[in-house]
């Protein structure tokens, strides 16, 4: 399937989403991989993971880059050899990237009720405004909070950061599609603008939550 959706966040920031409907062979035939990337692909045990990995290469090609332009640092954070920042996510049959001149992070999650069972693992500060008795809203908000913390962690990517203790997401409305968050780690305090929206597909049951964050 071609590109599923493009979101122009601002003048310098774009999100591209790919719905993964192609076979491994179809995707592999459309991308050129450097040797290091091919070895990484060969080492993946899950074909779904392989297809998501190749879909990311399709997305960067849509933006005029190639696999040769994409690198990973020692912590696994992707980067280009230019002034553009990139962040990557994939969830089930979707893969997405955000490319910007600003420092950004992205995450995409399927909304699932079982997130309620692990809420205490990544929320504390947020409990002041969450309402567990409103199940649908609670699941949606938990998914946004998790996505925001994941996106922020991808930006900072420092060992020892706790989603529960160090990343705080301010109260928000499901209708406003944006909120604020902050990271408090060691002697560092960083603030972030967080944006979120739902993604649906005719080919997959359930709703996905896309979250992206900009470091202020």
Foldseek 3Di string as FASTA:
>chain_A
DPWDDKDCPDPFKIKTKDFQPDFLVVLVVVADADPVVVVVLVPDPDRQVSSLVSVVQVVVVVVVDHNVQWDADPLRQIDGPDQKHKEWEDDRRMIMMMIGNFQKFKYKYFQDLCLVVCLVQQADLCVVPADVVVRVVNSVVSQQLVGVLRRVCSRVVDPPFGNHPFKAWDDDDPVPQKGKIWGDDDNDIWIKIKGKDWDDDPVDDGIMMMMMITTD
